[in-house]
Amino acid sequence: MKKFRKYLIFALLAFLFIGTFAFLWKRSRPVEIRYEMLEAKVADISRTAVVTGKIVPRNEVNIKPQISGIISELYKEAGQQVAEGEVIAKVKVIPEMSSLSSAQSRVRLAELSLNQAQTDFNREKALYDKQLVSAEEYDKVRQALEQAKEEHAAAQEALEVVRDGVSRRNASSSSTLIRSTISGLILDIPVKVGNTVTLSNTFNDGTTIATVANMNDLIFDGNVDETEVGRLTEGMPVVIRIGALQDLRFDASLEYISPKAASNNGANQFEIKAAVQVPAGVMVRSGYSANAEIVLEKLEQVLTVPESAVEFKDDSAYVYVGGPKVFTRKGISTGLSDGVNIQVKGGLQEGEQVRGNQIIETE
């Protein structure tokens, strides 16, 4: 039994010694690294600017009331189409007490003047019928009566406008009826029945009853950095990608570049706008976030290599050729880059292999 234990201990020690030796031997072996080999090939290459922004209608109008009051009725909802001149809402006028009192006083004075003019006319007519006064004097009294009647009608109409917001004479063009000024889609109705609204004037922007826009004429509105705006020109083709519609891309045309920069977090940016072509049957909502891709420069069928394989030092560019174990550093001249591939103007031939940065095998 004791011999068995002795042999077991010797065997364990031997195993431990051999395992340690094998481990140290393996660690001491030189590590062989193999790199991915990349090929120089002919391809199209372009440099693009990606601009973030949103899709908005070209013509978006806020409908505001012509009088102050309270919303009594709403005839439309957001999402409905509306024609120019169509009624969206109705406003009930809450008259200002001083204006109402003044209008009522004017009516009372006009009634007094009318009664007096009527009395004078009746008296003058009786005398005229007996040929006791001249026709000229009679005409003056008759004209005074007509003026008094017109003043009374005007005072009554002014009272109706102050009290009701509309007169019976002009009921068809009532300012209490809020009408759309354009044809389009109602994007928003921010008020409810019972809300107080104010008219727009010099001191007040007024309450927005509804926002209406022509959704058949959309534009991309974004901002581009000053380092790239110098390469842009109006009329450039633009590709629009909308985050909410990931499977679709829309063609657009650059139509506006702001002449003045705006500071955004310390960086100067210029506003740009592009007319978007929306295919029939596609629903694009106002305010969608979108990216615009603008091709700044494009070269067709030029020699390229992946930019990750190029080493830049000072003003020179190098690649490593040869392999699989020994590589030679070789200078090349480069051109346009799209961020993934770079143009090779000289130093390489089509099909030539260069070393990449990715290690594909380690022993």
Protein backbone atom coordinates (compact mmCIF):
# COMPACT_ATOMS: atom_id res chain seq x y z
CA MET A 1 0.00 0.00 0.00
CA LYS A 2 2.84 2.35 0.87
CA LYS A 3 4.57 1.52 -2.46
CA PHE A 4 1.40 2.36 -4.34
CA ARG A 5 1.17 5.75 -2.66
CA LYS A 6 4.82 6.42 -3.44
CA TYR A 7 4.32 5.59 -7.15
CA LEU A 8 1.20 7.76 -7.25
CA ILE A 9 3.04 10.75 -5.83
CA PHE A 10 5.88 10.29 -8.32
CA ALA A 11 3.39 10.08 -11.19
CA LEU A 12 1.65 13.29 -10.11
CA LEU A 13 4.92 15.15 -9.78
CA ALA A 14 6.03 13.93 -13.20
CA PHE A 15 2.72 15.00 -14.76
CA LEU A 16 2.99 18.42 -13.16
CA PHE A 17 6.57 18.83 -14.36
CA ILE A 18 5.77 17.77 -17.93
CA GLY A 19 2.63 20.02 -18.05
CA THR A 20 4.58 23.03 -16.82
CA PHE A 21 7.32 22.42 -19.36
CA ALA A 22 4.80 22.10 -22.21
CA PHE A 23 3.03 25.29 -21.16
CA LEU A 24 6.24 27.32 -20.98
CA TRP A 25 7.43 25.88 -24.29
CA LYS A 26 4.20 26.87 -26.02
CA ARG A 27 4.32 30.39 -24.54
CA SER A 28 7.89 30.82 -25.73
CA ARG A 29 7.06 30.01 -29.37
CA PRO A 30 6.90 33.06 -31.68
CA VAL A 31 3.32 34.12 -32.52
CA GLU A 32 2.48 34.07 -36.20
CA ILE A 33 0.07 36.79 -37.29
CA ARG A 34 -1.73 36.76 -40.58
CA TYR A 35 -3.47 39.78 -42.01
CA GLU A 36 -6.47 40.12 -44.27
CA MET A 37 -5.35 40.86 -47.83
CA LEU A 38 -7.28 43.51 -49.75
CA GLU A 39 -7.39 44.03 -53.49
CA ALA A 40 -7.02 47.26 -55.42
CA LYS A 41 -9.96 47.42 -57.81
CA VAL A 42 -11.74 49.78 -60.18
CA ALA A 43 -15.00 51.22 -58.89
CA ASP A 44 -17.11 54.36 -58.71
CA ILE A 45 -16.43 56.62 -55.75
CA SER A 46 -18.26 59.68 -54.50
CA ARG A 47 -18.09 62.12 -51.60
CA THR A 48 -21.43 62.99 -50.06
CA ALA A 49 -22.65 65.38 -47.41
CA VAL A 50 -25.30 64.04 -45.04
CA VAL A 51 -27.58 66.77 -43.71
CA THR A 52 -30.12 66.25 -40.94
CA GLY A 53 -33.41 68.09 -40.99
CA LYS A 54 -37.13 67.57 -41.33
CA ILE A 55 -39.92 67.47 -43.91
CA VAL A 56 -42.23 70.49 -43.85
CA PRO A 57 -44.88 71.88 -46.23
CA ARG A 58 -43.76 74.82 -48.32
CA ASN A 59 -46.94 76.77 -47.61
CA GLU A 60 -48.19 76.48 -44.01
CA VAL A 61 -50.66 79.10 -42.78
CA ASN A 62 -51.98 79.92 -39.32
CA ILE A 63 -55.65 80.89 -39.45
CA LYS A 64 -56.44 83.68 -36.96
CA PRO A 65 -59.72 85.43 -36.09
CA GLN A 66 -60.64 88.95 -37.17
CA ILE A 67 -62.41 89.59 -33.86
CA SER A 68 -61.95 88.62 -30.23
CA GLY A 69 -64.45 86.33 -28.54
CA ILE A 70 -65.18 82.75 -27.53
CA ILE A 71 -65.18 79.69 -29.80
CA SER A 72 -68.84 78.64 -30.03
CA GLU A 73 -68.56 75.97 -32.76
CA LEU A 74 -65.87 73.97 -34.54
CA TYR A 75 -66.79 72.56 -37.94
CA LYS A 76 -63.49 70.81 -38.82
CA GLU A 77 -60.93 68.49 -37.24
CA ALA A 78 -57.19 68.02 -37.71
CA GLY A 79 -56.50 65.70 -40.64
CA GLN A 80 -59.43 66.90 -42.76
CA GLN A 81 -59.13 68.64 -46.09
CA VAL A 82 -60.44 72.20 -46.33
CA ALA A 83 -61.06 74.46 -49.31
CA GLU A 84 -60.19 78.13 -49.51
CA GLY A 85 -63.01 80.17 -47.95
CA GLU A 86 -64.52 77.17 -46.15
CA VAL A 87 -65.69 77.81 -42.58
CA ILE A 88 -63.58 76.17 -39.86
CA ALA A 89 -65.05 77.67 -36.70
CA LYS A 90 -67.48 80.25 -35.35
CA VAL A 91 -66.68 82.87 -32.72
CA LYS A 92 -69.18 84.33 -30.27
CA VAL A 93 -68.38 87.96 -29.55
CA ILE A 94 -68.05 89.16 -25.96
CA PRO A 95 -68.52 92.92 -26.32
CA GLU A 96 -66.37 95.40 -24.46
CA MET A 97 -68.65 97.31 -22.11
CA SER A 98 -67.32 100.78 -22.98
CA SER A 99 -67.70 100.11 -26.72
CA LEU A 100 -71.17 98.65 -26.19
CA SER A 101 -72.26 101.64 -24.10
CA SER A 102 -70.92 104.06 -26.71
CA ALA A 103 -72.73 102.24 -29.52
CA GLN A 104 -76.00 102.21 -27.60
CA SER A 105 -75.65 105.93 -26.88
CA ARG A 106 -75.08 106.59 -30.57
CA VAL A 107 -78.27 104.70 -31.43
CA ARG A 108 -80.29 106.74 -28.92
CA LEU A 109 -78.93 110.01 -30.28
CA ALA A 110 -79.64 108.88 -33.83
CA GLU A 111 -83.24 108.05 -32.84
CA LEU A 112 -83.69 111.52 -31.34
CA SER A 113 -82.28 113.13 -34.47
CA LEU A 114 -84.47 110.97 -36.68
CA ASN A 115 -87.64 111.82 -34.72
CA GLN A 116 -86.84 115.50 -34.91
CA ALA A 117 -86.08 115.32 -38.63
CA GLN A 118 -89.35 113.43 -39.20
CA THR A 119 -91.31 116.09 -37.30
CA ASP A 120 -89.63 118.90 -39.26
CA PHE A 121 -90.33 117.11 -42.52
CA ASN A 122 -94.02 116.59 -41.71
CA ARG A 123 -94.43 120.25 -40.81
CA GLU A 124 -92.54 121.42 -43.91
CA LYS A 125 -94.48 119.08 -46.18
CA ALA A 126 -97.80 120.45 -44.92
CA LEU A 127 -96.64 123.98 -45.69
CA TYR A 128 -95.29 122.93 -49.06
CA ASP A 129 -98.57 121.27 -50.02
CA LYS A 130 -100.30 124.64 -49.30
CA GLN A 131 -97.61 126.36 -51.36
CA LEU A 132 -96.51 128.41 -48.36
CA VAL A 133 -92.80 127.46 -48.68
CA SER A 134 -90.50 127.14 -51.64
CA ALA A 135 -89.43 123.86 -53.20
CA GLU A 136 -85.84 124.63 -52.24
CA GLU A 137 -86.69 124.82 -48.52
CA TYR A 138 -88.76 121.64 -48.78
CA ASP A 139 -85.86 119.76 -50.44
CA LYS A 140 -83.50 120.78 -47.64
CA VAL A 141 -85.81 119.38 -44.96
CA ARG A 142 -86.38 116.19 -46.94
CA GLN A 143 -82.62 115.73 -47.37
CA ALA A 144 -82.11 116.22 -43.63
CA LEU A 145 -84.63 113.44 -42.97
CA GLU A 146 -82.83 111.06 -45.30
CA GLN A 147 -79.52 111.83 -43.59
CA ALA A 148 -81.09 111.18 -40.19
CA LYS A 149 -82.43 107.83 -41.39
CA GLU A 150 -79.01 106.84 -42.74
CA GLU A 151 -77.29 107.86 -39.49
CA HIS A 152 -79.80 105.82 -37.49
CA ALA A 153 -79.21 102.75 -39.69
CA ALA A 154 -75.44 103.16 -39.39
CA ALA A 155 -75.66 103.51 -35.59
CA GLN A 156 -77.86 100.40 -35.39
CA GLU A 157 -75.44 98.43 -37.56
CA ALA A 158 -72.47 99.55 -35.43
CA LEU A 159 -74.33 98.39 -32.31
CA GLU A 160 -74.98 94.97 -33.87
CA VAL A 161 -71.30 94.61 -34.81
CA VAL A 162 -70.14 95.52 -31.29
CA ARG A 163 -72.76 93.33 -29.61
CA ASP A 164 -72.94 90.34 -32.00
CA GLY A 165 -69.85 90.66 -34.16
CA VAL A 166 -71.97 90.87 -37.30
CA SER A 167 -74.75 93.06 -38.67
CA ARG A 168 -77.84 91.83 -40.46
CA ARG A 169 -76.81 93.74 -43.57
CA ASN A 170 -73.42 91.94 -43.82
CA ALA A 171 -74.37 88.56 -42.36
CA SER A 172 -72.96 86.66 -45.37
CA SER A 173 -69.44 88.03 -44.76
CA SER A 174 -69.53 87.73 -41.00
CA SER A 175 -66.21 88.10 -39.19
CA THR A 176 -67.49 85.66 -36.57
CA LEU A 177 -67.08 82.85 -39.13
CA ILE A 178 -63.43 81.79 -39.29
CA ARG A 179 -62.61 80.75 -42.86
CA SER A 180 -59.54 79.05 -44.30
CA THR A 181 -57.40 81.34 -46.44
CA ILE A 182 -55.92 78.46 -48.49
CA SER A 183 -56.90 75.00 -49.67
CA GLY A 184 -55.08 72.13 -47.99
CA LEU A 185 -54.90 69.76 -45.05
CA ILE A 186 -55.68 70.89 -41.51
CA LEU A 187 -52.55 70.00 -39.51
CA ASP A 188 -53.73 71.23 -36.14
CA ILE A 189 -56.65 72.89 -34.38
CA PRO A 190 -55.17 74.02 -31.04
CA VAL A 191 -58.42 75.49 -29.65
CA LYS A 192 -61.60 73.94 -28.26
CA VAL A 193 -65.18 75.11 -27.95
CA GLY A 194 -65.31 77.60 -25.11
CA ASN A 195 -61.73 78.87 -25.52
CA THR A 196 -61.21 82.62 -25.61
CA VAL A 197 -59.53 83.92 -28.75
CA THR A 198 -58.08 87.32 -29.65
CA LEU A 199 -57.62 89.01 -32.99
CA SER A 200 -54.21 89.81 -34.42
CA ASN A 201 -53.06 93.42 -34.17
CA THR A 202 -49.96 95.56 -33.69
CA PHE A 203 -49.52 94.50 -30.08
CA ASN A 204 -50.76 90.90 -30.23
CA ASP A 205 -50.05 87.99 -32.59
CA GLY A 206 -53.59 86.73 -32.08
CA THR A 207 -54.87 83.25 -31.35
CA THR A 208 -54.30 80.52 -33.95
CA ILE A 209 -57.60 78.79 -34.72
CA ALA A 210 -56.12 76.26 -37.15
CA THR A 211 -52.95 75.46 -39.09
CA VAL A 212 -53.52 74.59 -42.75
CA ALA A 213 -50.90 73.44 -45.27
CA ASN A 214 -50.65 72.18 -48.83
CA MET A 215 -49.21 68.68 -48.30
CA ASN A 216 -48.73 68.17 -52.04
CA ASP A 217 -45.79 70.59 -52.01
CA LEU A 218 -43.19 69.47 -49.44
CA ILE A 219 -39.63 70.59 -48.83
CA PHE A 220 -36.67 69.29 -46.83
CA ASP A 221 -35.41 71.89 -44.35
CA GLY A 222 -31.98 71.29 -42.81
CA ASN A 223 -28.63 72.82 -41.88
CA VAL A 224 -25.22 72.13 -43.44
CA ASP A 225 -21.82 72.87 -41.92
CA GLU A 226 -19.77 75.77 -43.28
CA THR A 227 -16.97 73.36 -44.32
CA GLU A 228 -19.28 71.84 -46.94
CA VAL A 229 -21.62 74.68 -47.93
CA GLY A 230 -19.05 76.06 -50.40
CA ARG A 231 -19.44 72.92 -52.54
CA LEU A 232 -23.20 73.24 -52.80
CA THR A 233 -25.05 74.85 -55.69
CA GLU A 234 -28.75 75.26 -56.31
CA GLY A 235 -30.18 72.54 -58.52
CA MET A 236 -28.01 69.74 -57.11
CA PRO A 237 -29.80 66.35 -56.86
CA VAL A 238 -30.57 65.24 -53.32
CA VAL A 239 -31.64 61.87 -51.92
CA ILE A 240 -33.98 62.07 -48.93
CA ARG A 241 -34.31 59.26 -46.39
CA ILE A 242 -37.07 59.54 -43.78
CA GLY A 243 -36.60 57.73 -40.48
CA ALA A 244 -40.27 56.76 -40.22
CA LEU A 245 -40.26 55.38 -43.79
CA GLN A 246 -37.02 53.40 -43.78
CA ASP A 247 -37.77 51.37 -46.90
CA LEU A 248 -38.30 54.43 -49.08
CA ARG A 249 -36.02 57.07 -50.57
CA PHE A 250 -37.20 60.26 -52.20
CA ASP A 251 -35.58 62.32 -54.93
CA ALA A 252 -35.28 66.05 -54.30
CA SER A 253 -33.64 69.10 -55.81
CA LEU A 254 -31.67 71.67 -53.83
CA GLU A 255 -33.39 75.02 -54.30
CA TYR A 256 -32.21 77.30 -51.48
CA ILE A 257 -28.92 77.92 -49.65
CA SER A 258 -29.00 80.55 -46.93
CA PRO A 259 -26.60 83.47 -47.53
CA LYS A 260 -26.17 83.91 -43.77
CA ALA A 261 -24.83 81.46 -41.19
CA ALA A 262 -26.55 80.63 -37.92
CA SER A 263 -24.57 79.58 -34.86
CA ASN A 264 -25.48 76.13 -33.52
CA ASN A 265 -23.52 75.00 -30.42
CA GLY A 266 -20.59 77.14 -31.51
CA ALA A 267 -20.56 75.85 -35.12
CA ASN A 268 -21.61 77.95 -38.09
CA GLN A 269 -24.31 76.28 -40.16
CA PHE A 270 -26.30 77.34 -43.19
CA GLU A 271 -29.96 76.54 -43.80
CA ILE A 272 -30.78 74.67 -46.99
CA LYS A 273 -34.09 73.68 -48.58
CA ALA A 274 -34.83 71.04 -51.19
CA ALA A 275 -38.08 70.35 -53.05
CA VAL A 276 -39.16 66.76 -52.34
CA GLN A 277 -40.83 64.56 -54.94
CA VAL A 278 -43.34 62.33 -53.16
CA PRO A 279 -44.70 59.39 -55.19
CA ALA A 280 -48.47 58.99 -55.47
CA GLY A 281 -49.99 56.95 -52.68
CA VAL A 282 -47.22 57.65 -50.15
CA MET A 283 -48.28 59.46 -46.97
CA VAL A 284 -45.64 61.86 -45.66
CA ARG A 285 -46.50 63.75 -42.48
CA SER A 286 -45.34 67.24 -41.63
CA GLY A 287 -42.37 67.30 -39.26
CA TYR A 288 -40.90 63.88 -40.16
CA SER A 289 -37.17 63.73 -39.30
CA ALA A 290 -35.08 63.06 -42.39
CA ASN A 291 -31.53 62.88 -43.74
CA ALA A 292 -30.49 64.40 -47.04
CA GLU A 293 -27.58 62.93 -48.99
CA ILE A 294 -25.97 65.42 -51.38
CA VAL A 295 -23.30 64.21 -53.80
CA LEU A 296 -20.51 66.79 -53.59
CA GLU A 297 -18.07 65.04 -55.93
CA LYS A 298 -18.19 61.81 -57.93
CA LEU A 299 -15.64 59.80 -59.96
CA GLU A 300 -16.51 56.83 -62.13
CA GLN A 301 -14.35 53.75 -62.76
CA VAL A 302 -11.21 54.76 -60.88
CA LEU A 303 -8.70 52.57 -58.99
CA THR A 304 -9.59 52.32 -55.28
CA VAL A 305 -8.49 50.54 -52.12
CA PRO A 306 -10.13 50.43 -48.69
CA GLU A 307 -9.01 53.52 -46.77
CA SER A 308 -8.36 51.38 -43.68
CA ALA A 309 -5.40 49.81 -45.53
CA VAL A 310 -3.70 53.17 -46.13
CA GLU A 311 -1.19 54.61 -43.68
CA PHE A 312 -0.95 58.41 -43.68
CA LYS A 313 2.18 60.11 -42.39
CA ASP A 314 2.90 63.79 -42.82
CA ASP A 315 1.73 64.55 -46.36
CA SER A 316 2.35 61.05 -47.73
CA ALA A 317 0.30 57.86 -48.00
CA TYR A 318 1.59 54.29 -47.82
CA VAL A 319 0.32 50.73 -48.18
CA TYR A 320 1.96 47.40 -47.37
CA VAL A 321 2.32 44.90 -50.22
CA GLY A 322 3.72 41.39 -50.38
CA GLY A 323 2.96 38.80 -47.70
CA PRO A 324 1.83 36.56 -46.32
CA LYS A 325 4.62 37.02 -43.70
CA VAL A 326 6.86 39.70 -45.13
CA PHE A 327 5.44 43.04 -46.29
CA THR A 328 7.01 45.97 -48.05
CA ARG A 329 5.96 49.55 -47.39
CA LYS A 330 5.05 51.30 -50.62
CA GLY A 331 4.18 54.93 -51.24
CA ILE A 332 1.05 55.79 -53.22
CA SER A 333 -0.74 58.99 -54.29
CA THR A 334 -4.39 59.28 -53.26
CA GLY A 335 -7.40 61.30 -54.30
CA LEU A 336 -11.09 61.35 -53.47
CA SER A 337 -12.34 59.43 -50.41
CA ASP A 338 -15.89 58.47 -49.47
CA GLY A 339 -14.92 57.47 -45.94
CA VAL A 340 -14.70 53.75 -46.81
CA ASN A 341 -12.69 53.58 -50.03
CA ILE A 342 -10.09 55.98 -51.37
CA GLN A 343 -8.94 56.73 -54.91
CA VAL A 344 -5.42 55.61 -55.85
CA LYS A 345 -3.88 57.91 -58.45
CA GLY A 346 -0.53 56.15 -58.61
CA GLY A 347 1.68 53.50 -57.00
CA LEU A 348 -0.66 50.51 -57.41
CA GLN A 349 -2.07 48.42 -60.22
CA GLU A 350 -5.52 46.91 -60.53
CA GLY A 351 -5.67 43.52 -58.79
CA GLU A 352 -2.60 44.14 -56.62
CA GLN A 353 -2.96 42.92 -53.02
CA VAL A 354 -2.36 45.17 -50.00
CA ARG A 355 -2.30 44.36 -46.30
CA GLY A 356 -5.38 45.22 -44.27
CA ASN A 357 -5.50 45.93 -40.58
CA GLN A 358 -7.66 42.96 -39.62
CA ILE A 359 -5.87 39.89 -38.19
CA ILE A 360 -7.49 36.76 -39.56
CA GLU A 361 -5.32 34.05 -37.91
CA THR A 362 -3.01 33.79 -34.89
CA GLU A 363 -0.92 30.74 -33.89
